[in-house]
Amino acid sequence: MAFKSILFGETDYVPESYPKEPEFFRDLSLDYVIEGIVKHKDKYNLKEFLLNPLHDRDTIIFRQEVLKDLEGNTELFEKVKSFA
């Protein structure tokens, strides 16, 4: 099986139009959280992924499993971190 994506598993990602930041983001200071995550990583276009909500249950479960793998394996986490 060929590797496709760490974000989408077996599904093919088709981006929605670039999403507008929801109004409640500022109320909850989530705009600062998003900016902190994407800071110095412009070439990855991460904001698009962070503002587009997931609707596919399998993709949500896949991402949770990826995070569990990274959380449980420090060596793997460091390799992914150095790559990204």
Protein backbone atom coordinates (compact mmCIF):
# COMPACT_ATOMS: atom_id res chain seq x y z
CA MET A 1 0.00 0.00 0.00
CA ALA A 2 1.40 3.41 -0.97
CA PHE A 3 1.52 6.22 1.59
CA LYS A 4 -1.01 8.96 0.82
CA SER A 5 -1.35 11.28 3.78
CA ILE A 6 -0.89 11.51 7.53
CA LEU A 7 -3.98 13.77 7.63
CA PHE A 8 -6.48 11.90 5.51
CA GLY A 9 -5.68 8.19 5.49
CA GLU A 10 -7.44 6.45 2.62
CA THR A 11 -9.69 9.35 1.60
CA ASP A 12 -8.79 11.83 -1.11
CA TYR A 13 -8.81 15.38 0.18
CA VAL A 14 -10.64 17.91 -1.93
CA PRO A 15 -10.36 21.30 -0.23
CA GLU A 16 -13.40 23.45 0.17
CA SER A 17 -13.00 27.08 -0.75
CA TYR A 18 -10.56 28.73 1.62
CA PRO A 19 -12.64 28.96 4.78
CA LYS A 20 -13.29 32.18 6.61
CA GLU A 21 -12.33 32.21 10.26
CA PRO A 22 -15.52 31.70 12.33
CA GLU A 23 -16.60 34.71 14.40
CA PHE A 24 -16.36 32.79 17.68
CA PHE A 25 -12.62 32.16 17.14
CA ARG A 26 -11.76 35.65 18.39
CA ASP A 27 -14.07 35.30 21.40
CA LEU A 28 -12.24 32.13 22.45
CA SER A 29 -8.79 33.44 21.39
CA LEU A 30 -8.55 30.56 18.92
CA ASP A 31 -7.18 33.00 16.34
CA TYR A 32 -4.04 33.24 18.50
CA VAL A 33 -3.83 29.46 18.76
CA ILE A 34 -4.08 29.06 14.97
CA GLU A 35 -1.50 31.80 14.36
CA GLY A 36 0.87 30.15 16.83
CA ILE A 37 0.56 26.83 15.03
CA VAL A 38 1.12 28.20 11.53
CA LYS A 39 3.81 30.73 12.46
CA HIS A 40 6.94 30.24 10.33
CA LYS A 41 5.25 27.42 8.38
CA ASP A 42 3.63 29.39 5.54
CA LYS A 43 4.75 26.95 2.85
CA TYR A 44 2.56 24.19 4.35
CA ASN A 45 -0.76 26.11 4.06
CA LEU A 46 -1.81 24.73 7.44
CA LYS A 47 -4.45 27.37 8.10
CA GLU A 48 -6.62 25.83 5.37
CA PHE A 49 -6.56 22.49 7.19
CA LEU A 50 -7.18 24.00 10.62
CA LEU A 51 -10.18 26.06 9.51
CA ASN A 52 -11.84 23.37 7.37
CA PRO A 53 -13.99 21.20 9.64
CA LEU A 54 -13.88 17.45 9.18
CA HIS A 55 -17.17 15.76 8.33
CA ASP A 56 -15.92 12.25 7.63
CA ARG A 57 -15.97 10.02 10.72
CA ASP A 58 -13.25 7.71 9.37
CA THR A 59 -10.89 10.64 8.82
CA ILE A 60 -11.49 11.92 12.36
CA ILE A 61 -10.75 8.48 13.80
CA PHE A 62 -7.66 8.17 11.58
CA ARG A 63 -6.24 11.45 12.88
CA GLN A 64 -6.90 10.43 16.47
CA GLU A 65 -5.01 7.19 15.86
CA VAL A 66 -2.08 9.07 14.30
CA LEU A 67 -1.89 11.34 17.35
CA LYS A 68 -2.04 8.35 19.70
CA ASP A 69 0.86 6.79 17.78
CA LEU A 70 2.89 9.99 18.05
CA GLU A 71 2.05 10.43 21.71
CA GLY A 72 3.08 6.88 22.57
CA ASN A 73 6.35 6.86 20.63
CA THR A 74 8.80 9.64 21.50
CA GLU A 75 11.30 8.57 18.86
CA LEU A 76 8.66 8.65 16.10
CA PHE A 77 7.39 12.03 17.34
CA GLU A 78 10.88 13.53 17.19
CA LYS A 79 11.39 12.24 13.65
CA VAL A 80 8.08 13.72 12.47
CA LYS A 81 8.84 16.96 14.30
CA SER A 82 12.28 17.27 12.68
CA PHE A 83 10.76 16.54 9.25
CA ALA A 84 8.03 19.14 9.60
